[in-house]
Amino acid sequence: MKPGEQPFMTTWNLKNCRTPSRKIVFQCLKWALKHKSDLNSKNKRLAIVSGSNSVNAVVTLVLKAFGPSCPTFVGTNEESAFRFMEEVERV
C-alpha cells in the first residue's frame, strides 16, 4: 500500500470542547462529506468522547449526515472508548 492508503482508526477526545458555532458545524459537515469515500474505505473504527450533551448533539448530527461505515462509539466515558477501540484487535 502507498502512504495514505493504509487503514486507520480514529479517536477524538472532545471533553474540553465548547459547543461549536453553526459555521464550524457546517465546515465539519462539508469536510466529512468531501472525504466520505476515503474515510469509509480506510477508517476501520471511530471513537468520540465528549463531555457535554450539547457537543454530543453536534457529534450525532455530523455522524448522521456523514454516515460512517465503520463501527462507531460516541460517549462520555474514556475507558469505554478505549475498550471499544481495542475490540478490533480481538476480531
Protein backbone atom coordinates (compact mmCIF):
# COMPACT_ATOMS: atom_id res chain seq x y z
CA MET A 1 0.00 0.00 0.00
CA LYS A 2 1.08 3.54 -0.71
CA PRO A 3 1.33 6.09 2.12
CA GLY A 4 -2.10 7.49 2.84
CA GLU A 5 -3.82 4.32 1.63
CA GLN A 6 -3.35 2.31 4.81
CA PRO A 7 -6.33 1.62 7.06
CA PHE A 8 -6.52 3.54 10.31
CA MET A 9 -8.65 4.03 13.41
CA THR A 10 -9.71 7.44 14.76
CA THR A 11 -10.23 8.64 18.32
CA TRP A 12 -11.46 12.13 19.10
CA ASN A 13 -11.42 13.46 22.66
CA LEU A 14 -13.77 16.44 22.74
CA LYS A 15 -14.17 16.61 26.52
CA ASN A 16 -12.69 20.12 26.72
CA CYS A 17 -14.54 21.48 23.70
CA ARG A 18 -17.30 24.04 23.85
CA THR A 19 -20.36 23.71 21.66
CA PRO A 20 -19.20 24.86 18.22
CA SER A 21 -20.87 27.61 16.24
CA ARG A 22 -23.10 26.75 13.28
CA LYS A 23 -20.33 27.88 10.97
CA ILE A 24 -17.90 25.34 12.46
CA VAL A 25 -20.55 22.58 12.35
CA PHE A 26 -21.16 23.22 8.65
CA GLN A 27 -17.41 23.26 7.96
CA CYS A 28 -17.12 19.86 9.68
CA LEU A 29 -20.03 18.51 7.64
CA LYS A 30 -18.58 19.85 4.40
CA TRP A 31 -15.17 18.31 5.15
CA ALA A 32 -16.64 14.93 6.17
CA LEU A 33 -18.80 14.72 3.05
CA LYS A 34 -15.89 15.73 0.80
CA HIS A 35 -13.71 12.95 2.26
CA LYS A 36 -16.50 10.41 2.79
CA SER A 37 -15.28 7.88 0.23
CA ASP A 38 -11.71 7.75 1.60
CA LEU A 39 -12.90 7.75 5.19
CA ASN A 40 -15.33 4.90 4.58
CA SER A 41 -12.76 2.78 2.80
CA LYS A 42 -9.85 3.39 5.21
CA ASN A 43 -11.23 4.23 8.66
CA LYS A 44 -11.81 0.94 10.47
CA ARG A 45 -13.10 2.24 13.82
CA LEU A 46 -14.17 5.62 15.22
CA ALA A 47 -14.46 6.62 18.89
CA ILE A 48 -15.62 10.05 20.02
CA VAL A 49 -15.55 11.08 23.69
CA SER A 50 -17.23 14.31 24.72
CA GLY A 51 -18.00 16.00 27.98
CA SER A 52 -21.37 17.59 27.33
CA ASN A 53 -24.79 16.84 25.90
CA SER A 54 -24.59 19.82 23.55
CA VAL A 55 -21.33 18.59 22.00
CA ASN A 56 -22.82 15.07 21.78
CA ALA A 57 -25.77 16.54 19.87
CA VAL A 58 -23.41 18.14 17.34
CA VAL A 59 -21.42 14.91 17.00
CA THR A 60 -24.65 12.96 16.43
CA LEU A 61 -25.74 15.45 13.75
CA VAL A 62 -22.42 15.22 11.89
CA LEU A 63 -22.41 11.42 12.10
CA LYS A 64 -25.99 11.20 10.80
CA ALA A 65 -25.09 13.37 7.81
CA PHE A 66 -21.74 11.65 7.22
CA GLY A 67 -22.94 8.10 7.89
CA PRO A 68 -19.59 6.42 8.56
CA SER A 69 -19.45 2.77 7.53
CA CYS A 70 -17.10 1.73 10.34
CA PRO A 71 -18.16 0.77 13.87
CA THR A 72 -18.59 3.96 15.90
CA PHE A 73 -18.60 4.81 19.62
CA VAL A 74 -19.94 8.10 20.98
CA GLY A 75 -19.99 8.67 24.72
CA THR A 76 -18.56 10.45 27.74
CA ASN A 77 -16.51 7.60 29.23
CA GLU A 78 -12.89 7.36 28.07
CA GLU A 79 -12.43 3.82 29.41
CA SER A 80 -15.40 2.61 27.36
CA ALA A 81 -13.95 4.28 24.27
CA PHE A 82 -10.57 2.59 24.81
CA ARG A 83 -12.25 -0.81 25.25
CA PHE A 84 -14.23 -0.21 22.06
CA MET A 85 -11.06 0.61 20.12
CA GLU A 86 -9.28 -2.48 21.46
CA GLU A 87 -12.10 -4.77 20.29
CA VAL A 88 -10.84 -4.56 16.72
CA GLU A 89 -7.65 -6.34 17.75
CA ARG A 90 -9.63 -9.31 19.06
CA VAL A 91 -11.75 -9.69 15.93
